[in-house]
Structure formats: C-alpha cells, structure tokens
PDB file of N, CA and C in Angstrom:
ATOM      1  N   MET A   1      53.345  79.678  61.420  1.00  0.00           N
ATOM      2  CA  MET A   1      52.109  78.922  61.281  1.00  0.00           C
ATOM      3  C   MET A   1      50.913  79.759  61.744  1.00  0.00           C
ATOM      4  N   GLY A   2      51.039  80.367  62.918  1.00  0.00           N
ATOM      5  CA  GLY A   2      49.952  81.185  63.438  1.00  0.00           C
ATOM      6  C   GLY A   2      49.708  82.421  62.601  1.00  0.00           C
ATOM      7  N   LEU A   3      50.783  83.090  62.200  1.00  0.00           N
ATOM      8  CA  LEU A   3      50.640  84.294  61.380  1.00  0.00           C
ATOM      9  C   LEU A   3      49.938  83.989  60.064  1.00  0.00           C
ATOM     10  N   SER A   4      50.240  82.838  59.465  1.00  0.00           N
ATOM     11  CA  SER A   4      49.623  82.485  58.185  1.00  0.00           C
ATOM     12  C   SER A   4      48.118  82.254  58.325  1.00  0.00           C
ATOM     13  N   LYS A   5      47.653  82.003  59.551  1.00  0.00           N
ATOM     14  CA  LYS A   5      46.227  81.814  59.808  1.00  0.00           C
ATOM     15  C   LYS A   5      45.566  83.096  60.312  1.00  0.00           C
ATOM     16  N   GLY A   6      46.353  84.188  60.376  1.00  0.00           N
ATOM     17  CA  GLY A   6      45.808  85.465  60.811  1.00  0.00           C
ATOM     18  C   GLY A   6      45.807  85.671  62.316  1.00  0.00           C
ATOM     19  N   TYR A   7      46.552  84.863  63.056  1.00  0.00           N
ATOM     20  CA  TYR A   7      46.626  84.981  64.507  1.00  0.00           C
ATOM     21  C   TYR A   7      47.761  85.909  64.907  1.00  0.00           C
ATOM     22  N   ASP A   8      47.609  86.572  66.031  1.00  0.00           N
ATOM     23  CA  ASP A   8      48.723  87.304  66.625  1.00  0.00           C
ATOM     24  C   ASP A   8      49.653  86.279  67.261  1.00  0.00           C
ATOM     25  N   VAL A   9      50.947  86.500  67.144  1.00  0.00           N
ATOM     26  CA  VAL A   9      51.944  85.586  67.701  1.00  0.00           C
ATOM     27  C   VAL A   9      52.891  86.390  68.580  1.00  0.00           C
ATOM     28  N   TYR A  10      53.127  85.892  69.783  1.00  0.00           N
ATOM     29  CA  TYR A  10      54.018  86.550  70.728  1.00  0.00           C
ATOM     30  C   TYR A  10      55.077  85.569  71.203  1.00  0.00           C
ATOM     31  N   THR A  11      56.277  86.074  71.418  1.00  0.00           N
ATOM     32  CA  THR A  11      57.320  85.327  72.091  1.00  0.00           C
ATOM     33  C   THR A  11      57.526  86.023  73.425  1.00  0.00           C
ATOM     34  N   LEU A  12      57.216  85.327  74.502  1.00  0.00           N
ATOM     35  CA  LEU A  12      57.214  85.937  75.823  1.00  0.00           C
ATOM     36  C   LEU A  12      58.325  85.378  76.705  1.00  0.00           C
ATOM     37  N   PRO A  13      58.867  86.212  77.596  1.00  0.00           N
ATOM     38  CA  PRO A  13      59.859  85.706  78.536  1.00  0.00           C
ATOM     39  C   PRO A  13      59.233  84.905  79.675  1.00  0.00           C
ATOM     40  N   GLY A  14      57.906  84.991  79.820  1.00  0.00           N
ATOM     41  CA  GLY A  14      57.216  84.248  80.872  1.00  0.00           C
ATOM     42  C   GLY A  14      55.728  84.540  80.859  1.00  0.00           C
ATOM     43  N   GLY A  15      54.973  83.709  81.572  1.00  0.00           N
ATOM     44  CA  GLY A  15      53.520  83.832  81.615  1.00  0.00           C
ATOM     45  C   GLY A  15      53.021  85.105  82.261  1.00  0.00           C
ATOM     46  N   SER A  16      53.879  85.780  83.019  1.00  0.00           N
ATOM     47  CA  SER A  16      53.450  87.015  83.673  1.00  0.00           C
ATOM     48  C   SER A  16      53.140  88.122  82.666  1.00  0.00           C
ATOM     49  N   CYS A  17      53.522  87.963  81.414  1.00  0.00           N
ATOM     50  CA  CYS A  17      53.238  88.957  80.371  1.00  0.00           C
ATOM     51  C   CYS A  17      51.819  88.834  79.822  1.00  0.00           C
ATOM     52  N   ILE A  18      51.176  87.726  80.063  1.00  0.00           N
ATOM     53  CA  ILE A  18      49.854  87.465  79.491  1.00  0.00           C
ATOM     54  C   ILE A  18      48.827  88.530  79.883  1.00  0.00           C
ATOM     55  N   PRO A  19      48.717  88.923  81.161  1.00  0.00           N
ATOM     56  CA  PRO A  19      47.712  89.934  81.522  1.00  0.00           C
ATOM     57  C   PRO A  19      47.865  91.241  80.742  1.00  0.00           C
ATOM     58  N   GLU A  20      49.090  91.683  80.526  1.00  0.00           N
ATOM     59  CA  GLU A  20      49.306  92.936  79.787  1.00  0.00           C
ATOM     60  C   GLU A  20      48.842  92.815  78.344  1.00  0.00           C
ATOM     61  N   ILE A  21      49.113  91.706  77.708  1.00  0.00           N
ATOM     62  CA  ILE A  21      48.681  91.499  76.322  1.00  0.00           C
ATOM     63  C   ILE A  21      47.161  91.474  76.254  1.00  0.00           C
ATOM     64  N   LEU A  22      46.524  90.784  77.195  1.00  0.00           N
ATOM     65  CA  LEU A  22      45.068  90.659  77.166  1.00  0.00           C
ATOM     66  C   LEU A  22      44.363  91.959  77.546  1.00  0.00           C
ATOM     67  N   LYS A  23      45.037  92.861  78.232  1.00  0.00           N
ATOM     68  CA  LYS A  23      44.461  94.178  78.522  1.00  0.00           C
ATOM     69  C   LYS A  23      44.407  95.030  77.264  1.00  0.00           C
ATOM     70  N   LYS A  24      45.349  94.811  76.347  1.00  0.00           N
ATOM     71  CA  LYS A  24      45.465  95.621  75.140  1.00  0.00           C
ATOM     72  C   LYS A  24      44.675  95.067  73.965  1.00  0.00           C
ATOM     73  N   ASN A  25      44.350  93.781  73.980  1.00  0.00           N
ATOM     74  CA  ASN A  25      43.716  93.120  72.837  1.00  0.00           C
ATOM     75  C   ASN A  25      42.597  92.202  73.307  1.00  0.00           C
ATOM     76  N   ARG A  26      41.574  92.056  72.481  1.00  0.00           N
ATOM     77  CA  ARG A  26      40.494  91.112  72.768  1.00  0.00           C
ATOM     78  C   ARG A  26      40.693  89.871  71.910  1.00  0.00           C
ATOM     79  N   TYR A  27      40.675  88.724  72.567  1.00  0.00           N
ATOM     80  CA  TYR A  27      40.842  87.457  71.870  1.00  0.00           C
ATOM     81  C   TYR A  27      39.740  86.499  72.266  1.00  0.00           C
ATOM     82  N   GLU A  28      39.466  85.548  71.383  1.00  0.00           N
ATOM     83  CA  GLU A  28      38.494  84.494  71.679  1.00  0.00           C
ATOM     84  C   GLU A  28      39.182  83.293  72.322  1.00  0.00           C
ATOM     85  N   GLY A  29      40.494  83.177  72.142  1.00  0.00           N
ATOM     86  CA  GLY A  29      41.216  82.050  72.696  1.00  0.00           C
ATOM     87  C   GLY A  29      42.712  82.283  72.665  1.00  0.00           C
ATOM     88  N   VAL A  30      43.412  81.398  73.345  1.00  0.00           N
ATOM     89  CA  VAL A  30      44.866  81.495  73.468  1.00  0.00           C
ATOM     90  C   VAL A  30      45.464  80.100  73.305  1.00  0.00           C
ATOM     91  N   VAL A  31      46.582  80.032  72.586  1.00  0.00           N
ATOM     92  CA  VAL A  31      47.369  78.803  72.493  1.00  0.00           C
ATOM     93  C   VAL A  31      48.757  79.142  73.008  1.00  0.00           C
ATOM     94  N   GLY A  32      49.252  78.357  73.954  1.00  0.00           N
ATOM     95  CA  GLY A  32      50.573  78.608  74.503  1.00  0.00           C
ATOM     96  C   GLY A  32      51.490  77.426  74.315  1.00  0.00           C
ATOM     97  N   VAL A  33      52.739  77.717  73.992  1.00  0.00           N
ATOM     98  CA  VAL A  33      53.791  76.703  73.918  1.00  0.00           C
ATOM     99  C   VAL A  33      54.790  77.083  74.997  1.00  0.00           C
ATOM    100  N   SER A  34      54.961  76.214  75.984  1.00  0.00           N
ATOM    101  CA  SER A  34      55.786  76.595  77.118  1.00  0.00           C
ATOM    102  C   SER A  34      56.161  75.391  77.971  1.00  0.00           C
ATOM    103  N   CYS A  35      57.038  75.646  78.958  1.00  0.00           N
ATOM    104  CA  CYS A  35      57.361  74.617  79.943  1.00  0.00           C
ATOM    105  C   CYS A  35      56.157  74.444  80.874  1.00  0.00           C
ATOM    106  N   SER A  36      56.134  73.352  81.593  1.00  0.00           N
ATOM    107  CA  SER A  36      54.979  73.046  82.433  1.00  0.00           C
ATOM    108  C   SER A  36      54.746  74.096  83.516  1.00  0.00           C
ATOM    109  N   GLN A  37      55.796  74.653  84.072  1.00  0.00           N
ATOM    110  CA  GLN A  37      55.630  75.666  85.120  1.00  0.00           C
ATOM    111  C   GLN A  37      54.965  76.924  84.569  1.00  0.00           C
ATOM    112  N   GLU A  38      55.396  77.397  83.415  1.00  0.00           N
ATOM    113  CA  GLU A  38      54.790  78.583  82.810  1.00  0.00           C
ATOM    114  C   GLU A  38      53.369  78.293  82.337  1.00  0.00           C
ATOM    115  N   LEU A  39      53.129  77.077  81.837  1.00  0.00           N
ATOM    116  CA  LEU A  39      51.766  76.713  81.435  1.00  0.00           C
ATOM    117  C   LEU A  39      50.836  76.746  82.641  1.00  0.00           C
ATOM    118  N   LYS A  40      51.320  76.291  83.770  1.00  0.00           N
ATOM    119  CA  LYS A  40      50.508  76.313  84.989  1.00  0.00           C
ATOM    120  C   LYS A  40      50.189  77.748  85.397  1.00  0.00           C
ATOM    121  N   LEU A  41      51.198  78.616  85.428  1.00  0.00           N
ATOM    122  CA  LEU A  41      50.984  80.015  85.803  1.00  0.00           C
ATOM    123  C   LEU A  41      50.042  80.716  84.830  1.00  0.00           C
ATOM    124  N   GLY A  42      50.288  80.523  83.541  1.00  0.00           N
ATOM    125  CA  GLY A  42      49.425  81.141  82.536  1.00  0.00           C
ATOM    126  C   GLY A  42      48.016  80.588  82.588  1.00  0.00           C
ATOM    127  N   GLY A  43      47.899  79.284  82.798  1.00  0.00           N
ATOM    128  CA  GLY A  43      46.581  78.649  82.879  1.00  0.00           C
ATOM    129  C   GLY A  43      45.776  79.141  84.054  1.00  0.00           C
ATOM    130  N   GLU A  44      46.431  79.364  85.185  1.00  0.00           N
ATOM    131  CA  GLU A  44      45.729  79.888  86.356  1.00  0.00           C
ATOM    132  C   GLU A  44      45.145  81.269  86.070  1.00  0.00           C
ATOM    133  N   TYR A  45      45.911  82.098  85.380  1.00  0.00           N
ATOM    134  CA  TYR A  45      45.394  83.422  85.023  1.00  0.00           C
ATOM    135  C   TYR A  45      44.262  83.305  84.009  1.00  0.00           C
ATOM    136  N   LEU A  46      44.448  82.483  82.991  1.00  0.00           N
ATOM    137  CA  LEU A  46      43.452  82.376  81.923  1.00  0.00           C
ATOM    138  C   LEU A  46      42.120  81.818  82.422  1.00  0.00           C
ATOM    139  N   LYS A  47      42.122  81.009  83.466  1.00  0.00           N
ATOM    140  CA  LYS A  47      40.865  80.507  84.031  1.00  0.00           C
ATOM    141  C   LYS A  47      39.962  81.650  84.480  1.00  0.00           C
ATOM    142  N   GLN A  48      40.559  82.753  84.906  1.00  0.00           N
ATOM    143  CA  GLN A  48      39.805  83.908  85.374  1.00  0.00           C
ATOM    144  C   GLN A  48      39.214  84.733  84.231  1.00  0.00           C
ATOM    145  N   THR A  49      39.679  84.520  83.019  1.00  0.00           N
ATOM    146  CA  THR A  49      39.281  85.354  81.885  1.00  0.00           C
ATOM    147  C   THR A  49      38.151  84.759  81.051  1.00  0.00           C
ATOM    148  N   ASN A  50      37.825  83.503  81.258  1.00  0.00           N
ATOM    149  CA  ASN A  50      36.829  82.790  80.454  1.00  0.00           C
ATOM    150  C   ASN A  50      37.229  82.658  78.989  1.00  0.00           C
ATOM    151  N   LEU A  51      38.520  82.761  78.695  1.00  0.00           N
ATOM    152  CA  LEU A  51      39.005  82.536  77.338  1.00  0.00           C
ATOM    153  C   LEU A  51      39.253  81.048  77.130  1.00  0.00           C
ATOM    154  N   ALA A  52      38.978  80.590  75.925  1.00  0.00           N
ATOM    155  CA  ALA A  52      39.357  79.222  75.572  1.00  0.00           C
ATOM    156  C   ALA A  52      40.877  79.163  75.507  1.00  0.00           C
ATOM    157  N   ALA A  53      41.469  78.105  76.039  1.00  0.00           N
ATOM    158  CA  ALA A  53      42.925  78.006  76.052  1.00  0.00           C
ATOM    159  C   ALA A  53      43.366  76.576  75.764  1.00  0.00           C
ATOM    160  N   GLN A  54      44.450  76.464  75.009  1.00  0.00           N
ATOM    161  CA  GLN A  54      45.078  75.183  74.709  1.00  0.00           C
ATOM    162  C   GLN A  54      46.566  75.335  74.967  1.00  0.00           C
ATOM    163  N   ALA A  55      47.213  74.245  75.333  1.00  0.00           N
ATOM    164  CA  ALA A  55      48.637  74.291  75.636  1.00  0.00           C
ATOM    165  C   ALA A  55      49.402  73.213  74.895  1.00  0.00           C
ATOM    166  N   VAL A  56      50.604  73.567  74.486  1.00  0.00           N
ATOM    167  CA  VAL A  56      51.552  72.616  73.914  1.00  0.00           C
ATOM    168  C   VAL A  56      52.776  72.644  74.826  1.00  0.00           C
ATOM    169  N   PRO A  57      52.976  71.614  75.630  1.00  0.00           N
ATOM    170  CA  PRO A  57      54.117  71.618  76.546  1.00  0.00           C
ATOM    171  C   PRO A  57      55.430  71.349  75.819  1.00  0.00           C
ATOM    172  N   LEU A  58      56.488  71.940  76.342  1.00  0.00           N
ATOM    173  CA  LEU A  58      57.813  71.662  75.800  1.00  0.00           C
ATOM    174  C   LEU A  58      58.194  70.220  76.089  1.00  0.00           C
ATOM    175  N   LEU A  59      58.882  69.598  75.155  1.00  0.00           N
ATOM    176  CA  LEU A  59      59.402  68.247  75.348  1.00  0.00           C
ATOM    177  C   LEU A  59      60.767  68.294  76.026  1.00  0.00           C
ATOM    178  N   LYS A  60      61.504  69.379  75.783  1.00  0.00           N
ATOM    179  CA  LYS A  60      62.804  69.591  76.418  1.00  0.00           C
ATOM    180  C   LYS A  60      62.824  71.027  76.911  1.00  0.00           C
ATOM    181  N   ASN A  61      62.928  71.199  78.219  1.00  0.00           N
ATOM    182  CA  ASN A  61      62.989  72.529  78.824  1.00  0.00           C
ATOM    183  C   ASN A  61      64.413  73.045  78.829  1.00  0.00           C
ATOM    184  N   GLY A  62      64.551  74.305  79.175  1.00  0.00           N
ATOM    185  CA  GLY A  62      65.875  74.902  79.327  1.00  0.00           C
ATOM    186  C   GLY A  62      65.936  76.245  78.645  1.00  0.00           C
ATOM    187  N   CYS A  63      67.049  76.892  78.788  1.00  0.00           N
ATOM    188  CA  CYS A  63      67.225  78.223  78.214  1.00  0.00           C
ATOM    189  C   CYS A  63      67.663  78.179  76.757  1.00  0.00           C
ATOM    190  N   ALA A  64      68.000  77.009  76.263  1.00  0.00           N
ATOM    191  CA  ALA A  64      68.440  76.869  74.873  1.00  0.00           C
ATOM    192  C   ALA A  64      68.040  75.496  74.357  1.00  0.00           C
ATOM    193  N   LYS A  65      67.850  75.425  73.057  1.00  0.00           N
ATOM    194  CA  LYS A  65      67.542  74.168  72.374  1.00  0.00           C
ATOM    195  C   LYS A  65      66.307  73.473  72.946  1.00  0.00           C
ATOM    196  N   THR A  66      65.300  74.265  73.303  1.00  0.00           N
ATOM    197  CA  THR A  66      64.046  73.664  73.751  1.00  0.00           C
ATOM    198  C   THR A  66      63.341  73.044  72.554  1.00  0.00           C
ATOM    199  N   THR A  67      62.498  72.056  72.803  1.00  0.00           N
ATOM    200  CA  THR A  67      61.767  71.403  71.724  1.00  0.00           C
ATOM    201  C   THR A  67      60.315  71.192  72.141  1.00  0.00           C
ATOM    202  N   PHE A  68      59.452  71.100  71.142  1.00  0.00           N
ATOM    203  CA  PHE A  68      58.044  70.768  71.356  1.00  0.00           C
ATOM    204  C   PHE A  68      57.556  70.015  70.136  1.00  0.00           C
ATOM    205  N   ASN A  69      56.377  69.419  70.246  1.00  0.00           N
ATOM    206  CA  ASN A  69      55.811  68.643  69.148  1.00  0.00           C
ATOM    207  C   ASN A  69      55.061  69.595  68.216  1.00  0.00           C
ATOM    208  N   ILE A  70      55.650  69.883  67.090  1.00  0.00           N
ATOM    209  CA  ILE A  70      55.068  70.847  66.150  1.00  0.00           C
ATOM    210  C   ILE A  70      53.756  70.328  65.560  1.00  0.00           C
ATOM    211  N   GLU A  71      53.609  69.014  65.456  1.00  0.00           N
ATOM    212  CA  GLU A  71      52.349  68.445  64.959  1.00  0.00           C
ATOM    213  C   GLU A  71      51.201  68.759  65.922  1.00  0.00           C
ATOM    214  N   ASN A  72      51.485  68.739  67.228  1.00  0.00           N
ATOM    215  CA  ASN A  72      50.452  69.111  68.210  1.00  0.00           C
ATOM    216  C   ASN A  72      50.042  70.566  68.025  1.00  0.00           C
ATOM    217  N   LEU A  73      51.017  71.450  67.828  1.00  0.00           N
ATOM    218  CA  LEU A  73      50.697  72.862  67.624  1.00  0.00           C
ATOM    219  C   LEU A  73      49.876  73.041  66.354  1.00  0.00           C
ATOM    220  N   GLU A  74      50.268  72.388  65.285  1.00  0.00           N
ATOM    221  CA  GLU A  74      49.546  72.495  64.020  1.00  0.00           C
ATOM    222  C   GLU A  74      48.105  72.017  64.166  1.00  0.00           C
ATOM    223  N   ARG A  75      47.904  70.909  64.878  1.00  0.00           N
ATOM    224  CA  ARG A  75      46.564  70.363  65.077  1.00  0.00           C
ATOM    225  C   ARG A  75      45.690  71.352  65.873  1.00  0.00           C
ATOM    226  N   ILE A  76      46.256  71.946  66.912  1.00  0.00           N
ATOM    227  CA  ILE A  76      45.492  72.878  67.746  1.00  0.00           C
ATOM    228  C   ILE A  76      45.135  74.135  66.980  1.00  0.00           C
ATOM    229  N   LEU A  77      46.092  74.672  66.214  1.00  0.00           N
ATOM    230  CA  LEU A  77      45.806  75.875  65.449  1.00  0.00           C
ATOM    231  C   LEU A  77      44.756  75.622  64.390  1.00  0.00           C
TER     232      LEU A  77
END
C-alpha cells in the first residue's frame, strides 16, 4: 500500500532502528504499525524530530500472527 503511493516502507525489528533510518533520509512524516510498547519508544524519539507521526497499533501482539486494522492504515496513508 505504501509503496504504491511512493512511500519508503521498512520492516523493523524494533523502534530503536528509527534514528538510523532518519539520519540517512529526510522525511516529512512517519507512519508506524507496531505494538504499544514500540509505538511509545518510537513516539518518544519522533517528538524530538518535529516530524509528523501517526500510529496504527497492533490488535494482537506477539512474535507470530500479529494483526492490525488495515483500514486504519489505509485511511492514514
């Protein structure tokens, strides 16, 4: 969905990767799909950057078979 709109898309092992990506690229905003803990960590960092940010929280957390509301992601994008 993001690629079709011309956005860069990343699959990250955790929010700690965000600073490295933002050092290499300039963005006007960020959309994250993640568990609440990672959204909190990523959000704390993003507050310091003055980037617009939106989040789509996971509906089911875990290491496998996680789920989120795809309609929310589509609306935000």
